[in-house]
């Protein structure tokens, strides 16, 4: 884990996450779920620089899920 991801709360199970706009979904590993939640939290609180950090991480680690859930 990189520095900022080591501070996230990471669960133990994979989860299916849905895109409310497209209806598509993707199965994410526990760290991916934590980063996804981080991104959405940053979006809700207008923390754009932090959100971009999460988006960059997600785009590099799981581009297929990124395209489904966040693009």
Protein backbone atom coordinates (compact mmCIF):
# COMPACT_ATOMS: atom_id res chain seq x y z
CA UNK A 1 0.00 0.00 0.00
CA UNK A 2 1.12 3.52 -0.65
CA UNK A 3 1.21 6.10 2.15
CA UNK A 4 -2.29 7.50 1.76
CA UNK A 5 -3.99 4.12 1.21
CA UNK A 6 -2.44 2.73 4.39
CA UNK A 7 -4.63 5.14 6.35
CA UNK A 8 -7.88 3.79 4.88
CA UNK A 9 -10.12 1.33 6.68
CA UNK A 10 -10.00 -1.83 4.56
CA UNK A 11 -12.53 -4.62 4.96
CA UNK A 12 -11.95 -8.32 4.44
CA UNK A 13 -14.41 -9.18 1.65
CA UNK A 14 -14.82 -8.26 -1.96
CA UNK A 15 -17.98 -6.33 -2.80
CA UNK A 16 -20.10 -5.68 -5.85
CA UNK A 17 -20.41 -1.92 -6.37
CA UNK A 18 -22.95 -0.40 -8.73
CA UNK A 19 -22.90 2.72 -10.84
CA UNK A 20 -26.21 4.49 -10.13
CA UNK A 21 -26.15 6.25 -13.49
CA UNK A 22 -25.43 3.36 -15.86
CA UNK A 23 -26.75 0.43 -13.82
CA UNK A 24 -23.49 -1.44 -14.41
CA UNK A 25 -21.52 -2.92 -11.55
CA UNK A 26 -18.08 -4.32 -10.76
CA UNK A 27 -16.71 -6.63 -8.10
CA UNK A 28 -14.00 -4.85 -6.10
CA UNK A 29 -11.32 -6.23 -3.81
CA UNK A 30 -11.28 -4.87 -0.24
CA UNK A 31 -8.65 -2.17 -0.87
CA UNK A 32 -10.47 -1.11 -4.04
CA UNK A 33 -13.71 -0.76 -2.04
CA UNK A 34 -11.89 1.44 0.49
CA UNK A 35 -10.44 3.65 -2.26
CA UNK A 36 -13.83 3.85 -4.00
CA UNK A 37 -15.46 4.95 -0.73
CA UNK A 38 -12.65 7.49 -0.23
CA UNK A 39 -13.24 8.91 -3.72
CA UNK A 40 -16.99 9.22 -3.15
CA UNK A 41 -16.43 10.83 0.26
CA UNK A 42 -14.02 13.35 -1.23
CA UNK A 43 -16.52 14.10 -3.97
CA UNK A 44 -19.29 14.71 -1.42
CA UNK A 45 -17.10 17.08 0.59
CA UNK A 46 -15.55 18.93 -2.37
CA UNK A 47 -12.01 17.70 -1.67
CA UNK A 48 -11.04 17.69 -5.32
CA UNK A 49 -7.27 17.19 -4.96
CA UNK A 50 -7.78 14.21 -2.66
CA UNK A 51 -10.44 12.82 -4.98
CA UNK A 52 -8.03 13.07 -7.91
CA UNK A 53 -5.42 11.13 -5.97
CA UNK A 54 -7.96 8.32 -5.51
CA UNK A 55 -9.05 8.43 -9.13
CA UNK A 56 -5.44 8.19 -10.32
CA UNK A 57 -4.84 5.21 -8.03
CA UNK A 58 -8.02 3.46 -9.19
CA UNK A 59 -7.31 4.12 -12.87
CA UNK A 60 -3.88 2.49 -12.58
CA UNK A 61 -4.90 -0.49 -10.39
CA UNK A 62 -8.21 -1.52 -11.96
CA UNK A 63 -8.91 0.34 -15.20
CA UNK A 64 -11.88 -1.86 -16.13
CA UNK A 65 -13.72 -1.13 -12.87
CA UNK A 66 -12.69 2.53 -13.12
CA UNK A 67 -14.40 2.78 -16.51
CA UNK A 68 -17.58 1.18 -15.12
CA UNK A 69 -17.81 3.02 -11.83
CA UNK A 70 -15.95 6.31 -12.02
CA UNK A 71 -15.43 7.48 -15.60
